[in-house]
Amino acid sequence: MSDQTHRLLEIMARLRDPETGCEWDTAQNFTTIAPYTIEEAYEVADAIERGDMNDLRGELGDLLLQVVFHARMAEEAGDFSYEDVARTICDKMEARHPHIFGDQGGTMDSGRWEDLKAAEREASGAASAMDGVAEALPALMRSHKLQKRAARVGFEWPDVNGPIDKLHEEIEELASAATDAERLIEAGDVLFVAVNIVKRFGVDPEQALRAANAKFERRFRKMEELSQVDGKEFPALDLDIQEQYWQRAKHEIG
């Protein structure tokens, strides 16, 4: 164990000390800390997207602290320790890379990776292809994973025309929905089928939507900037004029 890892574990132990520790840290449990863990993971992704390596270093430290925090609480409860966490992931990575750490040879493609993970799920007693897809995942990411699992056991349209036709059907059902409850269900169906279409083109829908969000925000901010330079209040403009600024923004920044 490195000096800094040992230092971090000691810091967390002191913070969690029931007699001399920090009041906030000692009051936490797995449930209260989980939202911070998720938030830190997103902040890591944000730093990567911005290409800010200094920020990434800090955010990775924050995420590591979350791992140490959970491991410390588990150790206090007599369940497992940080060393157990590290040992478990080491064992898993070696088992998932037999072509590197074993004598099987070959290369790691997506099919082989999924076969190895499927074998792990079976060994752990999984009864369904859907087992092990965490419910706390972002809905778009979870939809993608569920549909990938279904496709692995043959439950998939033979080509992309199937989900495209289904998307048109679901849009019509959304348009004709009569109640808020019906619209919620039909809107979910539209999004679910859209994920399948994107998947069929080999695109990760979570990454695609994040990219689309970033592009929209970038263009919108440029529209506001352009209208301000022209001495106009963007919210006061009618839609036709706003569309002109949208086209200008697209032309200037892509």
C-alpha atoms as a PDB file:
ATOM      1  CA  MET A   1       0.000   0.000   0.000  1.00  0.00           C
ATOM      2  CA  SER A   2       1.381   3.404  -0.967  1.00  0.00           C
ATOM      3  CA  ASP A   3       2.058   6.123   1.601  1.00  0.00           C
ATOM      4  CA  GLN A   4      -0.735   8.320   0.258  1.00  0.00           C
ATOM      5  CA  THR A   5      -3.282   5.483   0.245  1.00  0.00           C
ATOM      6  CA  HIS A   6      -2.363   4.671   3.853  1.00  0.00           C
ATOM      7  CA  ARG A   7      -2.631   8.385   4.699  1.00  0.00           C
ATOM      8  CA  LEU A   8      -6.105   8.632   3.151  1.00  0.00           C
ATOM      9  CA  LEU A   9      -7.323   5.573   5.053  1.00  0.00           C
ATOM     10  CA  GLU A  10      -5.975   7.027   8.289  1.00  0.00           C
ATOM     11  CA  ILE A  11      -7.696  10.354   7.609  1.00  0.00           C
ATOM     12  CA  MET A  12     -11.027   8.622   7.082  1.00  0.00           C
ATOM     13  CA  ALA A  13     -10.547   6.538  10.228  1.00  0.00           C
ATOM     14  CA  ARG A  14      -9.998   9.704  12.261  1.00  0.00           C
ATOM     15  CA  LEU A  15     -12.965  11.460  10.685  1.00  0.00           C
ATOM     16  CA  ARG A  16     -15.193   8.487  11.566  1.00  0.00           C
ATOM     17  CA  ASP A  17     -13.891   8.071  15.113  1.00  0.00           C
ATOM     18  CA  PRO A  18     -17.015   8.070  17.322  1.00  0.00           C
ATOM     19  CA  GLU A  19     -15.233   9.949  20.125  1.00  0.00           C
ATOM     20  CA  THR A  20     -12.955  12.451  18.387  1.00  0.00           C
ATOM     21  CA  GLY A  21     -14.126  12.419  14.788  1.00  0.00           C
ATOM     22  CA  CYS A  22     -16.079  14.935  12.698  1.00  0.00           C
ATOM     23  CA  GLU A  23     -19.748  15.234  13.652  1.00  0.00           C
ATOM     24  CA  TRP A  24     -20.873  15.222  10.013  1.00  0.00           C
ATOM     25  CA  ASP A  25     -18.747  12.257   8.945  1.00  0.00           C
ATOM     26  CA  THR A  26     -19.720  10.103  11.929  1.00  0.00           C
ATOM     27  CA  ALA A  27     -23.413  10.773  11.263  1.00  0.00           C
ATOM     28  CA  GLN A  28     -23.297   9.392   7.709  1.00  0.00           C
ATOM     29  CA  ASN A  29     -24.321   5.959   6.455  1.00  0.00           C
ATOM     30  CA  PHE A  30     -24.343   4.182   3.091  1.00  0.00           C
ATOM     31  CA  THR A  31     -27.670   5.689   2.110  1.00  0.00           C
ATOM     32  CA  THR A  32     -26.731   9.282   2.905  1.00  0.00           C
ATOM     33  CA  ILE A  33     -23.349   9.019   1.190  1.00  0.00           C
ATOM     34  CA  ALA A  34     -24.581   7.314  -2.005  1.00  0.00           C
ATOM     35  CA  PRO A  35     -25.843  10.558  -3.639  1.00  0.00           C
ATOM     36  CA  TYR A  36     -22.410  12.145  -3.134  1.00  0.00           C
ATOM     37  CA  THR A  37     -20.767   9.120  -4.759  1.00  0.00           C
ATOM     38  CA  ILE A  38     -22.984   9.481  -7.824  1.00  0.00           C
ATOM     39  CA  GLU A  39     -22.378  13.240  -7.962  1.00  0.00           C
ATOM     40  CA  GLU A  40     -18.602  12.803  -7.810  1.00  0.00           C
ATOM     41  CA  ALA A  41     -18.696  10.288 -10.676  1.00  0.00           C
ATOM     42  CA  TYR A  42     -20.547  12.826 -12.823  1.00  0.00           C
ATOM     43  CA  GLU A  43     -18.043  15.522 -11.909  1.00  0.00           C
ATOM     44  CA  VAL A  44     -15.234  13.233 -13.072  1.00  0.00           C
ATOM     45  CA  ALA A  45     -17.040  12.818 -16.407  1.00  0.00           C
ATOM     46  CA  ASP A  46     -17.537  16.584 -16.648  1.00  0.00           C
ATOM     47  CA  ALA A  47     -13.831  17.278 -16.106  1.00  0.00           C
ATOM     48  CA  ILE A  48     -12.982  14.760 -18.827  1.00  0.00           C
ATOM     49  CA  GLU A  49     -15.388  16.360 -21.289  1.00  0.00           C
ATOM     50  CA  ARG A  50     -13.878  19.772 -20.592  1.00  0.00           C
ATOM     51  CA  GLY A  51     -10.361  18.385 -20.987  1.00  0.00           C
ATOM     52  CA  ASP A  52      -9.329  19.951 -17.648  1.00  0.00           C
ATOM     53  CA  MET A  53      -6.605  17.655 -16.294  1.00  0.00           C
ATOM     54  CA  ASN A  54      -6.051  19.677 -13.127  1.00  0.00           C
ATOM     55  CA  ASP A  55      -9.740  19.480 -12.334  1.00  0.00           C
ATOM     56  CA  LEU A  56      -9.795  15.795 -13.250  1.00  0.00           C
ATOM     57  CA  ARG A  57      -7.035  15.071 -10.738  1.00  0.00           C
ATOM     58  CA  GLY A  58      -9.079  16.711  -8.011  1.00  0.00           C
ATOM     59  CA  GLU A  59     -12.349  15.048  -9.022  1.00  0.00           C
ATOM     60  CA  LEU A  60     -10.721  11.605  -9.111  1.00  0.00           C
ATOM     61  CA  GLY A  61      -9.506  12.275  -5.576  1.00  0.00           C
ATOM     62  CA  ASP A  62     -13.048  13.152  -4.526  1.00  0.00           C
ATOM     63  CA  LEU A  63     -14.312   9.929  -6.097  1.00  0.00           C
ATOM     64  CA  LEU A  64     -11.588   7.902  -4.387  1.00  0.00           C
ATOM     65  CA  LEU A  65     -12.650   9.429  -1.079  1.00  0.00           C
ATOM     66  CA  GLN A  66     -16.132   8.056  -1.677  1.00  0.00           C
ATOM     67  CA  VAL A  67     -14.716   4.544  -2.096  1.00  0.00           C
ATOM     68  CA  VAL A  68     -12.707   4.922   1.098  1.00  0.00           C
ATOM     69  CA  PHE A  69     -15.744   6.305   2.947  1.00  0.00           C
ATOM     70  CA  HIS A  70     -17.947   3.347   2.002  1.00  0.00           C
ATOM     71  CA  ALA A  71     -15.173   0.862   2.771  1.00  0.00           C
ATOM     72  CA  ARG A  72     -14.598   2.436   6.197  1.00  0.00           C
ATOM     73  CA  MET A  73     -18.274   2.198   7.115  1.00  0.00           C
ATOM     74  CA  ALA A  74     -18.324  -1.439   6.002  1.00  0.00           C
ATOM     75  CA  GLU A  75     -15.214  -2.187   8.060  1.00  0.00           C
ATOM     76  CA  GLU A  76     -16.803  -0.621  11.134  1.00  0.00           C
ATOM     77  CA  ALA A  77     -19.809  -2.903  10.619  1.00  0.00           C
ATOM     78  CA  GLY A  78     -17.534  -5.942  10.276  1.00  0.00           C
ATOM     79  CA  ASP A  79     -18.514  -6.562   6.645  1.00  0.00           C
ATOM     80  CA  PHE A  80     -15.377  -5.855   4.603  1.00  0.00           C
ATOM     81  CA  SER A  81     -12.397  -3.510   4.403  1.00  0.00           C
ATOM     82  CA  TYR A  82     -10.698  -1.350   1.787  1.00  0.00           C
ATOM     83  CA  GLU A  83      -8.222  -4.189   1.235  1.00  0.00           C
ATOM     84  CA  ASP A  84     -11.121  -6.515   0.494  1.00  0.00           C
ATOM     85  CA  VAL A  85     -12.476  -4.039  -2.049  1.00  0.00           C
ATOM     86  CA  ALA A  86      -9.096  -3.794  -3.769  1.00  0.00           C
ATOM     87  CA  ARG A  87      -8.635  -7.585  -3.712  1.00  0.00           C
ATOM     88  CA  THR A  88     -12.076  -8.161  -5.206  1.00  0.00           C
ATOM     89  CA  ILE A  89     -11.539  -5.851  -8.172  1.00  0.00           C
ATOM     90  CA  CYS A  90      -8.050  -7.293  -8.759  1.00  0.00           C
ATOM     91  CA  ASP A  91      -9.477 -10.809  -8.851  1.00  0.00           C
ATOM     92  CA  LYS A  92     -12.298  -9.709 -11.159  1.00  0.00           C
ATOM     93  CA  MET A  93     -10.029  -7.934 -13.646  1.00  0.00           C
ATOM     94  CA  GLU A  94      -7.650 -10.891 -13.845  1.00  0.00           C
ATOM     95  CA  ALA A  95     -10.573 -13.255 -14.409  1.00  0.00           C
ATOM     96  CA  ARG A  96     -12.030 -10.993 -17.099  1.00  0.00           C
ATOM     97  CA  HIS A  97      -8.733 -10.821 -18.991  1.00  0.00           C
ATOM     98  CA  PRO A  98      -7.656 -14.462 -19.396  1.00  0.00           C
ATOM     99  CA  HIS A  99      -5.799 -13.556 -22.589  1.00  0.00           C
ATOM    100  CA  ILE A 100      -3.528 -11.289 -20.499  1.00  0.00           C
ATOM    101  CA  PHE A 101      -3.336 -13.002 -17.094  1.00  0.00           C
ATOM    102  CA  GLY A 102      -4.075 -16.565 -18.176  1.00  0.00           C
ATOM    103  CA  ASP A 103      -3.053 -18.946 -20.936  1.00  0.00           C
ATOM    104  CA  GLN A 104      -6.080 -18.677 -23.245  1.00  0.00           C
ATOM    105  CA  GLY A 105      -4.525 -16.231 -25.690  1.00  0.00           C
ATOM    106  CA  GLY A 106      -6.539 -14.391 -28.318  1.00  0.00           C
ATOM    107  CA  THR A 107      -7.894 -10.874 -28.080  1.00  0.00           C
ATOM    108  CA  MET A 108     -10.679  -9.198 -26.119  1.00  0.00           C
ATOM    109  CA  ASP A 109     -13.637  -8.259 -28.270  1.00  0.00           C
ATOM    110  CA  SER A 110     -17.069  -7.150 -27.078  1.00  0.00           C
ATOM    111  CA  GLY A 111     -18.527 -10.635 -27.472  1.00  0.00           C
ATOM    112  CA  ARG A 112     -15.870 -12.290 -25.350  1.00  0.00           C
ATOM    113  CA  TRP A 113     -16.180  -9.572 -22.680  1.00  0.00           C
ATOM    114  CA  GLU A 114     -19.943 -10.061 -22.484  1.00  0.00           C
ATOM    115  CA  ASP A 115     -19.533 -13.847 -22.322  1.00  0.00           C
ATOM    116  CA  LEU A 116     -17.193 -13.502 -19.358  1.00  0.00           C
ATOM    117  CA  LYS A 117     -19.571 -11.172 -17.540  1.00  0.00           C
ATOM    118  CA  ALA A 118     -22.496 -13.490 -18.310  1.00  0.00           C
ATOM    119  CA  ALA A 119     -20.544 -16.378 -16.781  1.00  0.00           C
ATOM    120  CA  GLU A 120     -19.962 -14.254 -13.665  1.00  0.00           C
ATOM    121  CA  ARG A 121     -23.675 -13.518 -13.384  1.00  0.00           C
ATOM    122  CA  GLU A 122     -24.531 -17.189 -13.768  1.00  0.00           C
ATOM    123  CA  ALA A 123     -21.988 -18.156 -11.129  1.00  0.00           C
ATOM    124  CA  SER A 124     -23.526 -15.617  -8.742  1.00  0.00           C
ATOM    125  CA  GLY A 125     -26.964 -17.191  -9.175  1.00  0.00           C
ATOM    126  CA  ALA A 126     -28.532 -14.820 -11.699  1.00  0.00           C
ATOM    127  CA  ALA A 127     -31.876 -16.198 -12.905  1.00  0.00           C
ATOM    128  CA  SER A 128     -32.640 -13.672 -15.650  1.00  0.00           C
ATOM    129  CA  ALA A 129     -30.739 -11.908 -18.410  1.00  0.00           C
ATOM    130  CA  MET A 130     -31.985  -8.711 -16.749  1.00  0.00           C
ATOM    131  CA  ASP A 131     -30.306  -9.462 -13.398  1.00  0.00           C
ATOM    132  CA  GLY A 132     -27.501  -7.143 -12.377  1.00  0.00           C
ATOM    133  CA  VAL A 133     -28.564  -4.024 -14.298  1.00  0.00           C
ATOM    134  CA  ALA A 134     -28.532  -1.485 -11.471  1.00  0.00           C
ATOM    135  CA  GLU A 135     -31.817   0.346 -10.954  1.00  0.00           C
ATOM    136  CA  ALA A 136     -29.970   3.497  -9.873  1.00  0.00           C
ATOM    137  CA  LEU A 137     -28.368   3.990 -13.298  1.00  0.00           C
ATOM    138  CA  PRO A 138     -29.511   7.009 -15.332  1.00  0.00           C
ATOM    139  CA  ALA A 139     -32.653   5.945 -17.188  1.00  0.00           C
ATOM    140  CA  LEU A 140     -31.115   6.325 -20.647  1.00  0.00           C
ATOM    141  CA  MET A 141     -28.061   4.263 -19.729  1.00  0.00           C
ATOM    142  CA  ARG A 142     -30.194   1.598 -18.045  1.00  0.00           C
ATOM    143  CA  SER A 143     -32.456   1.348 -21.090  1.00  0.00           C
ATOM    144  CA  HIS A 144     -29.392   0.753 -23.263  1.00  0.00           C
ATOM    145  CA  LYS A 145     -28.064  -1.965 -20.970  1.00  0.00           C
ATOM    146  CA  LEU A 146     -31.421  -3.717 -20.678  1.00  0.00           C
ATOM    147  CA  GLN A 147     -31.822  -3.810 -24.448  1.00  0.00           C
ATOM    148  CA  LYS A 148     -28.269  -5.083 -24.947  1.00  0.00           C
ATOM    149  CA  ARG A 149     -28.996  -7.904 -22.497  1.00  0.00           C
ATOM    150  CA  ALA A 150     -32.219  -8.771 -24.341  1.00  0.00           C
ATOM    151  CA  ALA A 151     -30.408  -8.782 -27.699  1.00  0.00           C
ATOM    152  CA  ARG A 152     -27.803 -11.232 -26.387  1.00  0.00           C
ATOM    153  CA  VAL A 153     -30.520 -13.848 -25.904  1.00  0.00           C
ATOM    154  CA  GLY A 154     -32.086 -13.172 -29.310  1.00  0.00           C
ATOM    155  CA  PHE A 155     -34.883 -10.769 -28.362  1.00  0.00           C
ATOM    156  CA  GLU A 156     -34.157  -8.122 -30.981  1.00  0.00           C
ATOM    157  CA  TRP A 157     -35.519  -6.852 -34.300  1.00  0.00           C
ATOM    158  CA  PRO A 158     -33.699  -8.443 -37.267  1.00  0.00           C
ATOM    159  CA  ASP A 159     -32.769  -5.016 -38.670  1.00  0.00           C
ATOM    160  CA  VAL A 160     -33.093  -1.315 -37.899  1.00  0.00           C
ATOM    161  CA  ASN A 161     -36.312  -0.986 -39.896  1.00  0.00           C
ATOM    162  CA  GLY A 162     -38.185  -2.725 -37.086  1.00  0.00           C
ATOM    163  CA  PRO A 163     -37.485  -0.139 -34.372  1.00  0.00           C
ATOM    164  CA  ILE A 164     -37.844   2.735 -36.860  1.00  0.00           C
ATOM    165  CA  ASP A 165     -41.367   1.565 -37.736  1.00  0.00           C
ATOM    166  CA  LYS A 166     -42.060   1.062 -34.032  1.00  0.00           C
ATOM    167  CA  LEU A 167     -40.906   4.614 -33.281  1.00  0.00           C
ATOM    168  CA  HIS A 168     -43.478   6.053 -35.700  1.00  0.00           C
ATOM    169  CA  GLU A 169     -46.148   3.914 -34.042  1.00  0.00           C
ATOM    170  CA  GLU A 170     -45.150   5.076 -30.554  1.00  0.00           C
ATOM    171  CA  ILE A 171     -45.120   8.748 -31.598  1.00  0.00           C
ATOM    172  CA  GLU A 172     -48.674   8.375 -32.905  1.00  0.00           C
ATOM    173  CA  GLU A 173     -49.738   6.755 -29.637  1.00  0.00           C
ATOM    174  CA  LEU A 174     -48.159   9.604 -27.677  1.00  0.00           C
ATOM    175  CA  ALA A 175     -49.972  12.176 -29.816  1.00  0.00           C
ATOM    176  CA  SER A 176     -53.303  10.459 -29.197  1.00  0.00           C
ATOM    177  CA  ALA A 177     -52.827   9.871 -25.456  1.00  0.00           C
ATOM    178  CA  ALA A 178     -55.735  11.368 -23.510  1.00  0.00           C
ATOM    179  CA  THR A 179     -54.402  11.623 -19.957  1.00  0.00           C
ATOM    180  CA  ASP A 180     -51.181  12.610 -18.210  1.00  0.00           C
ATOM    181  CA  ALA A 181     -50.689   9.003 -17.107  1.00  0.00           C
ATOM    182  CA  GLU A 182     -51.056   7.751 -20.684  1.00  0.00           C
ATOM    183  CA  ARG A 183     -48.701  10.430 -22.007  1.00  0.00           C
ATOM    184  CA  LEU A 184     -46.084   9.431 -19.434  1.00  0.00           C
ATOM    185  CA  ILE A 185     -46.223   5.802 -20.548  1.00  0.00           C
ATOM    186  CA  GLU A 186     -46.234   6.576 -24.266  1.00  0.00           C
ATOM    187  CA  ALA A 187     -43.416   9.116 -23.927  1.00  0.00           C
ATOM    188  CA  GLY A 188     -41.345   6.448 -22.203  1.00  0.00           C
ATOM    189  CA  ASP A 189     -42.039   4.050 -25.066  1.00  0.00           C
ATOM    190  CA  VAL A 190     -40.868   6.675 -27.589  1.00  0.00           C
ATOM    191  CA  LEU A 191     -37.602   7.162 -25.740  1.00  0.00           C
ATOM    192  CA  PHE A 192     -37.101   3.428 -25.222  1.00  0.00           C
ATOM    193  CA  VAL A 193     -37.440   2.678 -28.941  1.00  0.00           C
ATOM    194  CA  ALA A 194     -35.203   5.646 -29.817  1.00  0.00           C
ATOM    195  CA  VAL A 195     -32.492   4.088 -27.649  1.00  0.00           C
ATOM    196  CA  ASN A 196     -32.816   0.857 -29.622  1.00  0.00           C
ATOM    197  CA  ILE A 197     -32.412   2.693 -32.929  1.00  0.00           C
ATOM    198  CA  VAL A 198     -29.302   4.508 -31.711  1.00  0.00           C
ATOM    199  CA  LYS A 199     -27.892   1.242 -30.368  1.00  0.00           C
ATOM    200  CA  ARG A 200     -28.342  -0.407 -33.761  1.00  0.00           C
ATOM    201  CA  PHE A 201     -25.987   2.167 -35.269  1.00  0.00           C
ATOM    202  CA  GLY A 202     -23.331   1.337 -32.686  1.00  0.00           C
ATOM    203  CA  VAL A 203     -23.741   4.608 -30.803  1.00  0.00           C
ATOM    204  CA  ASP A 204     -23.913   4.882 -27.017  1.00  0.00           C
ATOM    205  CA  PRO A 205     -27.152   6.833 -26.380  1.00  0.00           C
ATOM    206  CA  GLU A 206     -25.923   8.372 -23.128  1.00  0.00           C
ATOM    207  CA  GLN A 207     -22.850   9.808 -24.848  1.00  0.00           C
ATOM    208  CA  ALA A 208     -24.909  10.882 -27.850  1.00  0.00           C
ATOM    209  CA  LEU A 209     -27.406  12.806 -25.741  1.00  0.00           C
ATOM    210  CA  ARG A 210     -24.658  14.403 -23.664  1.00  0.00           C
ATOM    211  CA  ALA A 211     -23.054  15.584 -26.914  1.00  0.00           C
ATOM    212  CA  ALA A 212     -26.390  16.901 -28.163  1.00  0.00           C
ATOM    213  CA  ASN A 213     -26.975  18.728 -24.884  1.00  0.00           C
ATOM    214  CA  ALA A 214     -23.553  20.344 -25.088  1.00  0.00           C
ATOM    215  CA  LYS A 215     -24.102  21.365 -28.709  1.00  0.00           C
ATOM    216  CA  PHE A 216     -27.509  22.883 -27.951  1.00  0.00           C
ATOM    217  CA  GLU A 217     -26.186  24.806 -24.951  1.00  0.00           C
ATOM    218  CA  ARG A 218     -23.211  26.095 -26.951  1.00  0.00           C
ATOM    219  CA  ARG A 219     -25.443  27.328 -29.783  1.00  0.00           C
ATOM    220  CA  PHE A 220     -28.021  28.820 -27.443  1.00  0.00           C
ATOM    221  CA  ARG A 221     -25.396  30.803 -25.555  1.00  0.00           C
ATOM    222  CA  LYS A 222     -24.078  32.054 -28.904  1.00  0.00           C
ATOM    223  CA  MET A 223     -27.591  33.189 -29.906  1.00  0.00           C
ATOM    224  CA  GLU A 224     -27.889  35.175 -26.694  1.00  0.00           C
ATOM    225  CA  GLU A 225     -24.455  36.679 -27.295  1.00  0.00           C
ATOM    226  CA  LEU A 226     -25.255  37.677 -30.881  1.00  0.00           C
ATOM    227  CA  SER A 227     -28.562  39.284 -29.970  1.00  0.00           C
ATOM    228  CA  GLN A 228     -26.901  41.196 -27.141  1.00  0.00           C
ATOM    229  CA  VAL A 229     -24.261  42.525 -29.551  1.00  0.00           C
ATOM    230  CA  ASP A 230     -27.138  43.682 -31.786  1.00  0.00           C
ATOM    231  CA  GLY A 231     -28.688  45.478 -28.825  1.00  0.00           C
ATOM    232  CA  LYS A 232     -31.693  43.125 -28.620  1.00  0.00           C
ATOM    233  CA  GLU A 233     -33.183  41.240 -25.698  1.00  0.00           C
ATOM    234  CA  PHE A 234     -33.331  37.633 -26.849  1.00  0.00           C
ATOM    235  CA  PRO A 235     -36.446  36.610 -24.827  1.00  0.00           C
ATOM    236  CA  ALA A 236     -38.393  39.513 -26.371  1.00  0.00           C
ATOM    237  CA  LEU A 237     -37.748  38.392 -29.963  1.00  0.00           C
ATOM    238  CA  ASP A 238     -40.363  36.445 -31.906  1.00  0.00           C
ATOM    239  CA  LEU A 239     -39.603  32.891 -32.942  1.00  0.00           C
ATOM    240  CA  ASP A 240     -38.727  33.770 -36.551  1.00  0.00           C
ATOM    241  CA  ILE A 241     -36.037  36.219 -35.409  1.00  0.00           C
ATOM    242  CA  GLN A 242     -34.753  33.755 -32.821  1.00  0.00           C
ATOM    243  CA  GLU A 243     -34.469  31.159 -35.598  1.00  0.00           C
ATOM    244  CA  GLN A 244     -32.331  33.584 -37.601  1.00  0.00           C
ATOM    245  CA  TYR A 245     -29.977  33.898 -34.643  1.00  0.00           C
ATOM    246  CA  TRP A 246     -29.971  30.091 -34.340  1.00  0.00           C
ATOM    247  CA  GLN A 247     -28.819  29.778 -37.937  1.00  0.00           C
ATOM    248  CA  ARG A 248     -26.149  32.428 -37.385  1.00  0.00           C
ATOM    249  CA  ALA A 249     -24.932  30.593 -34.296  1.00  0.00           C
ATOM    250  CA  LYS A 250     -24.746  27.311 -36.222  1.00  0.00           C
ATOM    251  CA  HIS A 251     -22.781  29.017 -38.983  1.00  0.00           C
ATOM    252  CA  GLU A 252     -20.303  30.638 -36.595  1.00  0.00           C
ATOM    253  CA  ILE A 253     -19.609  27.835 -34.141  1.00  0.00           C
ATOM    254  CA  GLY A 254     -21.002  24.705 -35.799  1.00  0.00           C
END
